[in-house]
């Protein structure tokens, strides 16, 4: 038997005030998108802002459904919209803000597993890493240079 060690690196900002001007502006858009979430069942709202290489910023908010599997996470709402409407644009950065509706949350919330796989598909397709910034409703902001930090063993089309 052999063991392997996987190391990931994240930058941690104490607040969004530490982000550069452009990144702060886009994270504020993700926070505003979170307020538009349709989450009557989980009462957990997520907002996302995706920066494309054509300088478009695409917003997404989670959309729930009484038939739970029919809903969609904010990250996939935004990234699928970008793929459908800007098929030749590359996703450069993805910003996430998430929190329960009844309280502030300071814990940074990363993308769920399904969203990680969807983001991975775009990162591999475009052959450009996607920077990911994530936070709760306030507090620390985590930054990853690539989805690979969040999902080191990617399931890729080459495996099919």
N, C-alpha and C. Protein backbone atom coordinates (compact mmCIF):
# COMPACT_ATOMS: atom_id res chain seq x y z
N UNK A 1 0.84 -1.18 0.00
CA UNK A 1 0.00 0.00 0.00
C UNK A 1 0.88 1.24 0.00
N UNK A 2 0.37 2.27 -0.63
CA UNK A 2 1.06 3.55 -0.71
C UNK A 2 0.07 4.64 -0.34
N UNK A 3 0.51 5.65 0.34
CA UNK A 3 -0.36 6.78 0.67
C UNK A 3 0.05 7.98 -0.15
N UNK A 4 -0.94 8.79 -0.48
CA UNK A 4 -0.66 10.06 -1.15
C UNK A 4 -1.19 11.18 -0.27
N UNK A 5 -0.57 12.31 -0.37
CA UNK A 5 -1.02 13.49 0.36
C UNK A 5 -1.40 14.55 -0.65
N UNK A 6 -2.56 15.13 -0.45
CA UNK A 6 -3.04 16.20 -1.32
C UNK A 6 -3.09 17.47 -0.48
N UNK A 7 -2.46 18.51 -0.99
CA UNK A 7 -2.45 19.79 -0.29
C UNK A 7 -3.19 20.82 -1.12
N UNK A 8 -4.02 21.60 -0.49
CA UNK A 8 -4.70 22.69 -1.18
C UNK A 8 -4.35 23.99 -0.48
N UNK A 9 -4.42 25.06 -1.23
CA UNK A 9 -4.10 26.37 -0.69
C UNK A 9 -5.24 27.33 -0.98
N UNK A 10 -5.65 28.05 0.05
CA UNK A 10 -6.68 29.06 -0.06
C UNK A 10 -6.15 30.36 0.53
N UNK A 11 -6.60 31.47 0.01
CA UNK A 11 -6.36 32.77 0.64
C UNK A 11 -7.58 33.06 1.50
N UNK A 12 -7.37 33.64 2.66
CA UNK A 12 -8.47 33.97 3.55
C UNK A 12 -8.43 35.47 3.83
N UNK A 13 -9.51 36.14 3.46
CA UNK A 13 -9.67 37.57 3.73
C UNK A 13 -10.58 37.70 4.95
N UNK A 14 -10.24 38.60 5.86
CA UNK A 14 -11.05 38.77 7.07
C UNK A 14 -12.44 39.32 6.77
N UNK A 15 -12.56 40.04 5.67
CA UNK A 15 -13.87 40.57 5.25
C UNK A 15 -13.77 40.94 3.78
N UNK A 16 -14.89 41.24 3.18
CA UNK A 16 -14.86 41.61 1.77
C UNK A 16 -14.19 42.96 1.56
N UNK A 17 -14.01 43.73 2.64
CA UNK A 17 -13.30 44.99 2.54
C UNK A 17 -11.84 44.79 2.12
N UNK A 18 -11.28 43.62 2.35
CA UNK A 18 -9.90 43.33 1.98
C UNK A 18 -9.74 42.95 0.51
N UNK A 19 -10.85 42.65 -0.17
CA UNK A 19 -10.78 42.30 -1.59
C UNK A 19 -10.41 43.54 -2.40
N UNK A 20 -9.83 43.31 -3.58
CA UNK A 20 -9.58 44.47 -4.44
C UNK A 20 -10.92 45.04 -4.89
N UNK A 21 -10.89 46.23 -5.44
CA UNK A 21 -12.11 46.97 -5.77
C UNK A 21 -13.04 46.18 -6.70
N UNK A 22 -12.47 45.58 -7.75
CA UNK A 22 -13.28 44.84 -8.73
C UNK A 22 -13.91 43.60 -8.09
N UNK A 23 -13.12 42.83 -7.33
CA UNK A 23 -13.64 41.61 -6.71
C UNK A 23 -14.69 41.94 -5.65
N UNK A 24 -14.48 43.00 -4.90
CA UNK A 24 -15.48 43.42 -3.91
C UNK A 24 -16.79 43.78 -4.59
N UNK A 25 -16.71 44.52 -5.69
CA UNK A 25 -17.92 44.91 -6.43
C UNK A 25 -18.70 43.69 -6.89
N UNK A 26 -17.99 42.67 -7.38
CA UNK A 26 -18.68 41.48 -7.87
C UNK A 26 -19.23 40.65 -6.71
N UNK A 27 -18.49 40.57 -5.59
CA UNK A 27 -19.02 39.86 -4.42
C UNK A 27 -20.28 40.55 -3.90
N UNK A 28 -20.31 41.87 -3.95
CA UNK A 28 -21.52 42.59 -3.53
C UNK A 28 -22.70 42.23 -4.44
N UNK A 29 -22.43 41.96 -5.71
CA UNK A 29 -23.49 41.52 -6.62
C UNK A 29 -23.98 40.12 -6.22
N UNK A 30 -23.07 39.26 -5.80
CA UNK A 30 -23.47 37.92 -5.33
C UNK A 30 -24.33 38.04 -4.07
N UNK A 31 -23.98 38.95 -3.19
CA UNK A 31 -24.77 39.18 -1.97
C UNK A 31 -26.18 39.65 -2.34
N UNK A 32 -26.28 40.56 -3.31
CA UNK A 32 -27.60 41.03 -3.76
C UNK A 32 -28.38 39.90 -4.42
N UNK A 33 -27.70 39.07 -5.20
CA UNK A 33 -28.37 37.93 -5.84
C UNK A 33 -28.92 36.98 -4.78
N UNK A 34 -28.18 36.79 -3.68
CA UNK A 34 -28.64 35.91 -2.59
C UNK A 34 -30.00 36.36 -2.07
N UNK A 35 -30.24 37.65 -2.05
CA UNK A 35 -31.51 38.19 -1.55
C UNK A 35 -32.68 37.87 -2.47
N UNK A 36 -32.38 37.41 -3.68
CA UNK A 36 -33.42 37.07 -4.66
C UNK A 36 -33.65 35.56 -4.75
N UNK A 37 -33.00 34.81 -3.87
CA UNK A 37 -33.16 33.35 -3.89
C UNK A 37 -34.60 32.96 -3.62
N UNK A 38 -35.02 31.88 -4.25
CA UNK A 38 -36.32 31.28 -3.97
C UNK A 38 -36.04 30.02 -3.18
N UNK A 39 -36.11 30.16 -1.84
CA UNK A 39 -35.76 29.05 -0.95
C UNK A 39 -36.79 28.88 0.16
N UNK A 40 -38.06 28.62 -0.22
CA UNK A 40 -39.11 28.52 0.81
C UNK A 40 -39.03 27.25 1.65
N UNK A 41 -38.28 26.25 1.21
CA UNK A 41 -38.23 24.97 1.92
C UNK A 41 -37.02 24.89 2.84
N UNK A 42 -35.85 25.14 2.32
CA UNK A 42 -34.64 25.07 3.15
C UNK A 42 -34.43 26.36 3.94
N UNK A 43 -34.98 27.46 3.44
CA UNK A 43 -34.76 28.78 4.04
C UNK A 43 -33.27 29.11 4.08
N UNK A 44 -32.52 28.58 3.12
CA UNK A 44 -31.09 28.82 2.99
C UNK A 44 -30.86 29.45 1.62
N UNK A 45 -30.44 30.70 1.61
CA UNK A 45 -30.30 31.46 0.37
C UNK A 45 -28.85 31.53 -0.09
N UNK A 46 -28.68 31.36 -1.39
CA UNK A 46 -27.35 31.42 -1.99
C UNK A 46 -27.41 32.33 -3.21
N UNK A 47 -26.41 33.19 -3.32
CA UNK A 47 -26.29 34.06 -4.48
C UNK A 47 -24.91 33.89 -5.09
N UNK A 48 -24.86 33.99 -6.40
CA UNK A 48 -23.61 33.81 -7.13
C UNK A 48 -23.47 34.90 -8.19
N UNK A 49 -22.24 35.33 -8.39
CA UNK A 49 -21.90 36.21 -9.51
C UNK A 49 -20.72 35.58 -10.24
N UNK A 50 -20.85 35.46 -11.54
CA UNK A 50 -19.82 34.84 -12.38
C UNK A 50 -19.25 35.90 -13.30
N UNK A 51 -17.93 36.07 -13.28
CA UNK A 51 -17.26 37.00 -14.17
C UNK A 51 -16.73 36.24 -15.38
N UNK A 52 -17.13 36.69 -16.57
CA UNK A 52 -16.69 36.08 -17.82
C UNK A 52 -15.55 36.90 -18.42
N UNK A 53 -14.82 36.31 -19.34
CA UNK A 53 -13.69 37.00 -19.96
C UNK A 53 -14.12 38.14 -20.88
N UNK A 54 -15.41 38.25 -21.18
CA UNK A 54 -15.92 39.38 -21.96
C UNK A 54 -16.42 40.50 -21.04
N UNK A 55 -16.11 40.38 -19.75
CA UNK A 55 -16.47 41.34 -18.70
C UNK A 55 -17.94 41.32 -18.31
N UNK A 56 -18.71 40.39 -18.85
CA UNK A 56 -20.09 40.23 -18.40
C UNK A 56 -20.07 39.60 -17.00
N UNK A 57 -21.00 40.02 -16.16
CA UNK A 57 -21.19 39.41 -14.85
C UNK A 57 -22.58 38.79 -14.85
N UNK A 58 -22.63 37.49 -14.64
CA UNK A 58 -23.88 36.73 -14.65
C UNK A 58 -24.24 36.41 -13.21
N UNK A 59 -25.48 36.69 -12.83
CA UNK A 59 -25.95 36.43 -11.47
C UNK A 59 -26.81 35.18 -11.42
N UNK A 60 -26.79 34.54 -10.28
CA UNK A 60 -27.65 33.38 -10.05
C UNK A 60 -28.06 33.32 -8.59
N UNK A 61 -29.22 32.77 -8.34
CA UNK A 61 -29.71 32.54 -6.99
C UNK A 61 -30.35 31.17 -6.96
N UNK A 62 -30.25 30.48 -5.82
CA UNK A 62 -30.82 29.14 -5.76
C UNK A 62 -32.33 29.21 -5.97
N UNK A 63 -32.85 28.18 -6.65
CA UNK A 63 -34.26 28.09 -7.00
C UNK A 63 -34.77 26.73 -6.55
N UNK A 64 -35.55 26.71 -5.46
CA UNK A 64 -36.05 25.45 -4.92
C UNK A 64 -37.39 25.07 -5.53
N UNK A 65 -37.77 23.84 -5.29
CA UNK A 65 -39.01 23.29 -5.80
C UNK A 65 -39.51 22.29 -4.77
N UNK A 66 -40.82 22.16 -4.64
CA UNK A 66 -41.39 21.19 -3.69
C UNK A 66 -40.88 19.78 -3.99
N UNK A 67 -40.62 19.50 -5.25
CA UNK A 67 -39.97 18.24 -5.62
C UNK A 67 -38.47 18.53 -5.58
N UNK A 68 -37.88 18.36 -4.39
CA UNK A 68 -36.51 18.80 -4.12
C UNK A 68 -35.50 18.59 -5.23
N UNK A 69 -35.42 17.45 -5.87
CA UNK A 69 -34.38 17.31 -6.89
C UNK A 69 -34.58 18.24 -8.09
N UNK A 70 -35.75 18.85 -8.20
CA UNK A 70 -36.03 19.70 -9.35
C UNK A 70 -35.46 21.11 -9.20
N UNK A 71 -35.03 21.48 -8.02
CA UNK A 71 -34.45 22.80 -7.80
C UNK A 71 -33.04 22.88 -8.37
N UNK A 72 -32.46 24.05 -8.28
CA UNK A 72 -31.12 24.25 -8.80
C UNK A 72 -30.37 25.24 -7.92
N UNK A 73 -29.11 24.95 -7.69
CA UNK A 73 -28.24 25.80 -6.87
C UNK A 73 -27.87 27.07 -7.63
N UNK A 74 -27.53 28.11 -6.90
CA UNK A 74 -27.18 29.40 -7.49
C UNK A 74 -26.00 29.30 -8.45
N UNK A 75 -25.00 28.51 -8.07
CA UNK A 75 -23.81 28.39 -8.91
C UNK A 75 -24.14 27.81 -10.27
N UNK A 76 -24.98 26.77 -10.28
CA UNK A 76 -25.35 26.15 -11.55
C UNK A 76 -26.30 27.04 -12.34
N UNK A 77 -27.19 27.77 -11.67
CA UNK A 77 -28.06 28.71 -12.38
C UNK A 77 -27.19 29.68 -13.18
N UNK A 78 -26.18 30.25 -12.53
CA UNK A 78 -25.34 31.26 -13.19
C UNK A 78 -24.42 30.66 -14.25
N UNK A 79 -23.77 29.57 -13.93
CA UNK A 79 -22.80 29.02 -14.88
C UNK A 79 -23.49 28.40 -16.10
N UNK A 80 -24.67 27.80 -15.91
CA UNK A 80 -25.40 27.26 -17.05
C UNK A 80 -25.97 28.40 -17.92
N UNK A 81 -26.42 29.47 -17.28
CA UNK A 81 -26.89 30.63 -18.04
C UNK A 81 -25.74 31.19 -18.89
N UNK A 82 -24.58 31.31 -18.26
CA UNK A 82 -23.41 31.81 -18.99
C UNK A 82 -23.09 30.90 -20.17
N UNK A 83 -23.10 29.59 -19.94
CA UNK A 83 -22.80 28.65 -21.01
C UNK A 83 -23.81 28.70 -22.15
N UNK A 84 -25.08 28.92 -21.80
CA UNK A 84 -26.14 28.96 -22.82
C UNK A 84 -26.13 30.26 -23.60
N UNK A 85 -25.81 31.36 -22.95
CA UNK A 85 -25.91 32.67 -23.59
C UNK A 85 -24.58 33.23 -24.08
N UNK A 86 -23.49 32.73 -23.54
CA UNK A 86 -22.16 33.17 -23.95
C UNK A 86 -21.28 31.93 -24.14
N UNK A 87 -21.63 31.08 -25.10
CA UNK A 87 -20.95 29.78 -25.22
C UNK A 87 -19.45 29.86 -25.49
N UNK A 88 -18.96 30.98 -26.02
CA UNK A 88 -17.54 31.10 -26.31
C UNK A 88 -16.77 31.86 -25.24
N UNK A 89 -17.48 32.38 -24.26
CA UNK A 89 -16.82 33.12 -23.18
C UNK A 89 -16.27 32.16 -22.14
N UNK A 90 -15.19 32.56 -21.51
CA UNK A 90 -14.59 31.75 -20.45
C UNK A 90 -15.01 32.31 -19.10
N UNK A 91 -15.26 31.41 -18.17
CA UNK A 91 -15.57 31.80 -16.79
C UNK A 91 -14.23 32.05 -16.10
N UNK A 92 -14.04 33.27 -15.60
CA UNK A 92 -12.79 33.61 -14.93
C UNK A 92 -12.91 33.48 -13.41
N UNK A 93 -14.01 33.99 -12.87
CA UNK A 93 -14.18 34.02 -11.42
C UNK A 93 -15.63 33.72 -11.07
N UNK A 94 -15.81 33.09 -9.92
CA UNK A 94 -17.14 32.77 -9.41
C UNK A 94 -17.17 33.21 -7.95
N UNK A 95 -18.18 34.01 -7.59
CA UNK A 95 -18.33 34.56 -6.24
C UNK A 95 -19.60 34.00 -5.62
N UNK A 96 -19.53 33.57 -4.36
CA UNK A 96 -20.67 32.94 -3.69
C UNK A 96 -20.89 33.58 -2.32
N UNK A 97 -22.14 33.88 -2.02
CA UNK A 97 -22.53 34.30 -0.68
C UNK A 97 -23.74 33.45 -0.30
N UNK A 98 -23.69 32.85 0.91
CA UNK A 98 -24.76 31.94 1.34
C UNK A 98 -25.07 32.14 2.81
N UNK A 99 -26.36 31.99 3.15
CA UNK A 99 -26.74 32.16 4.56
C UNK A 99 -28.18 31.70 4.78
N UNK A 100 -28.47 31.22 5.99
CA UNK A 100 -29.87 30.98 6.34
C UNK A 100 -30.63 32.31 6.30
N UNK A 101 -31.91 32.26 6.05
CA UNK A 101 -32.70 33.48 5.95
C UNK A 101 -32.99 34.11 7.31
N UNK A 102 -32.87 33.34 8.37
CA UNK A 102 -33.26 33.85 9.70
C UNK A 102 -32.09 34.36 10.55
N UNK A 103 -30.87 34.31 9.99
CA UNK A 103 -29.73 34.80 10.77
C UNK A 103 -28.53 35.05 9.86
N UNK A 104 -27.59 35.82 10.37
CA UNK A 104 -26.34 36.06 9.66
C UNK A 104 -25.43 34.84 9.84
N UNK A 105 -24.65 34.54 8.84
CA UNK A 105 -23.73 33.42 8.91
C UNK A 105 -22.33 33.91 8.53
N UNK A 106 -21.38 33.68 9.41
CA UNK A 106 -20.01 34.12 9.15
C UNK A 106 -19.15 33.02 8.54
N UNK A 107 -19.60 31.77 8.56
CA UNK A 107 -18.83 30.68 7.99
C UNK A 107 -18.86 30.76 6.47
N UNK A 108 -17.70 30.76 5.81
CA UNK A 108 -17.69 30.72 4.34
C UNK A 108 -18.29 29.40 3.84
N UNK A 109 -19.19 29.49 2.88
CA UNK A 109 -19.90 28.32 2.35
C UNK A 109 -19.41 28.04 0.92
N UNK A 110 -18.72 26.90 0.73
CA UNK A 110 -18.24 26.55 -0.61
C UNK A 110 -19.37 25.93 -1.45
N UNK A 111 -19.13 25.73 -2.73
CA UNK A 111 -20.14 25.07 -3.57
C UNK A 111 -20.37 23.63 -3.10
N UNK A 112 -21.59 23.15 -3.29
CA UNK A 112 -21.92 21.76 -2.95
C UNK A 112 -21.24 20.83 -3.97
N UNK A 113 -21.33 19.55 -3.76
CA UNK A 113 -20.70 18.57 -4.63
C UNK A 113 -21.17 18.63 -6.07
N UNK A 114 -22.49 18.77 -6.28
CA UNK A 114 -23.01 18.85 -7.65
C UNK A 114 -22.49 20.09 -8.36
N UNK A 115 -22.43 21.19 -7.64
CA UNK A 115 -21.91 22.42 -8.24
C UNK A 115 -20.43 22.30 -8.53
N UNK A 116 -19.69 21.66 -7.64
CA UNK A 116 -18.26 21.48 -7.87
C UNK A 116 -18.03 20.70 -9.18
N UNK A 117 -18.80 19.65 -9.38
CA UNK A 117 -18.66 18.87 -10.61
C UNK A 117 -19.03 19.70 -11.83
N UNK A 118 -20.07 20.52 -11.73
CA UNK A 118 -20.47 21.36 -12.85
C UNK A 118 -19.43 22.42 -13.15
N UNK A 119 -18.87 23.03 -12.12
CA UNK A 119 -17.82 24.03 -12.31
C UNK A 119 -16.59 23.35 -12.93
N UNK A 120 -16.28 22.15 -12.46
CA UNK A 120 -15.14 21.39 -13.00
C UNK A 120 -15.29 21.18 -14.50
N UNK A 121 -16.49 20.87 -14.94
CA UNK A 121 -16.74 20.65 -16.37
C UNK A 121 -16.35 21.89 -17.17
N UNK A 122 -16.74 23.07 -16.68
CA UNK A 122 -16.41 24.30 -17.40
C UNK A 122 -14.92 24.60 -17.32
N UNK A 123 -14.30 24.35 -16.18
CA UNK A 123 -12.87 24.60 -16.04
C UNK A 123 -12.08 23.72 -17.00
N UNK A 124 -12.47 22.46 -17.12
CA UNK A 124 -11.79 21.55 -18.04
C UNK A 124 -12.07 21.91 -19.50
N UNK A 125 -13.33 22.25 -19.80
CA UNK A 125 -13.71 22.58 -21.17
C UNK A 125 -12.96 23.80 -21.68
N UNK A 126 -12.83 24.80 -20.86
CA UNK A 126 -12.19 26.03 -21.30
C UNK A 126 -10.67 26.04 -21.09
N UNK A 127 -10.17 25.05 -20.35
CA UNK A 127 -8.74 24.93 -20.07
C UNK A 127 -8.16 26.20 -19.44
N UNK A 128 -8.98 26.84 -18.62
CA UNK A 128 -8.58 28.01 -17.84
C UNK A 128 -9.15 27.82 -16.45
N UNK A 129 -8.30 27.99 -15.45
CA UNK A 129 -8.77 27.82 -14.07
C UNK A 129 -9.81 28.88 -13.72
N UNK A 130 -10.76 28.48 -12.90
CA UNK A 130 -11.81 29.38 -12.42
C UNK A 130 -11.51 29.71 -10.97
N UNK A 131 -11.29 30.99 -10.71
CA UNK A 131 -11.10 31.42 -9.33
C UNK A 131 -12.45 31.40 -8.61
N UNK A 132 -12.45 30.94 -7.37
CA UNK A 132 -13.69 30.86 -6.60
C UNK A 132 -13.51 31.60 -5.28
N UNK A 133 -14.42 32.53 -5.03
CA UNK A 133 -14.49 33.27 -3.78
C UNK A 133 -15.78 32.88 -3.09
N UNK A 134 -15.72 32.54 -1.80
CA UNK A 134 -16.96 32.19 -1.12
C UNK A 134 -16.97 32.70 0.31
N UNK A 135 -18.19 33.03 0.76
CA UNK A 135 -18.39 33.58 2.10
C UNK A 135 -19.80 33.23 2.59
N UNK A 136 -20.05 33.52 3.86
CA UNK A 136 -21.42 33.44 4.38
C UNK A 136 -22.12 34.73 4.01
N UNK A 137 -22.89 35.29 4.93
CA UNK A 137 -23.53 36.58 4.67
C UNK A 137 -22.63 37.73 5.08
N UNK A 138 -21.64 37.44 5.90
CA UNK A 138 -20.65 38.44 6.32
C UNK A 138 -19.41 37.69 6.80
N UNK A 139 -18.38 38.44 7.13
CA UNK A 139 -17.20 37.80 7.69
C UNK A 139 -16.18 37.42 6.64
N UNK A 140 -15.44 36.37 6.93
CA UNK A 140 -14.32 35.93 6.10
C UNK A 140 -14.74 35.54 4.69
N UNK A 141 -13.83 35.78 3.76
CA UNK A 141 -13.99 35.37 2.37
C UNK A 141 -12.83 34.44 2.05
N UNK A 142 -13.15 33.25 1.56
CA UNK A 142 -12.12 32.30 1.13
C UNK A 142 -11.95 32.43 -0.38
N UNK A 143 -10.71 32.27 -0.83
CA UNK A 143 -10.41 32.34 -2.25
C UNK A 143 -9.58 31.14 -2.67
N UNK A 144 -9.99 30.51 -3.75
CA UNK A 144 -9.25 29.41 -4.35
C UNK A 144 -8.91 29.79 -5.78
N UNK A 145 -7.71 29.48 -6.22
CA UNK A 145 -7.31 29.79 -7.59
C UNK A 145 -7.93 28.85 -8.62
N UNK A 146 -8.46 27.72 -8.16
CA UNK A 146 -9.01 26.73 -9.08
C UNK A 146 -10.00 25.83 -8.36
N UNK A 147 -10.93 25.29 -9.12
CA UNK A 147 -11.86 24.32 -8.56
C UNK A 147 -11.12 23.09 -8.05
N UNK A 148 -9.97 22.81 -8.60
CA UNK A 148 -9.19 21.63 -8.20
C UNK A 148 -8.84 21.63 -6.72
N UNK A 149 -8.78 22.79 -6.09
CA UNK A 149 -8.55 22.85 -4.64
C UNK A 149 -9.75 22.30 -3.86
N UNK A 150 -10.93 22.44 -4.43
CA UNK A 150 -12.16 21.98 -3.77
C UNK A 150 -12.53 20.56 -4.18
N UNK A 151 -12.03 20.11 -5.31
CA UNK A 151 -12.37 18.80 -5.84
C UNK A 151 -11.12 18.21 -6.51
N UNK A 152 -10.18 17.73 -5.71
CA UNK A 152 -8.90 17.32 -6.27
C UNK A 152 -8.96 16.11 -7.21
N UNK A 153 -9.88 15.20 -7.01
CA UNK A 153 -10.01 14.06 -7.92
C UNK A 153 -11.20 14.31 -8.83
N UNK A 154 -10.93 14.93 -9.96
CA UNK A 154 -12.00 15.30 -10.88
C UNK A 154 -12.48 14.10 -11.67
N UNK A 155 -13.78 14.03 -11.90
CA UNK A 155 -14.36 13.07 -12.84
C UNK A 155 -14.45 13.81 -14.16
N UNK A 156 -13.64 13.38 -15.12
CA UNK A 156 -13.53 14.09 -16.39
C UNK A 156 -14.08 13.28 -17.55
N UNK A 157 -14.32 13.98 -18.66
CA UNK A 157 -14.83 13.30 -19.86
C UNK A 157 -13.86 12.22 -20.35
N UNK A 158 -12.57 12.39 -20.05
CA UNK A 158 -11.61 11.37 -20.47
C UNK A 158 -11.84 10.03 -19.76
N UNK A 159 -12.59 10.05 -18.68
CA UNK A 159 -12.91 8.81 -17.95
C UNK A 159 -14.07 8.05 -18.59
N UNK A 160 -14.81 8.68 -19.46
CA UNK A 160 -15.98 8.04 -20.08
C UNK A 160 -15.57 7.07 -21.18
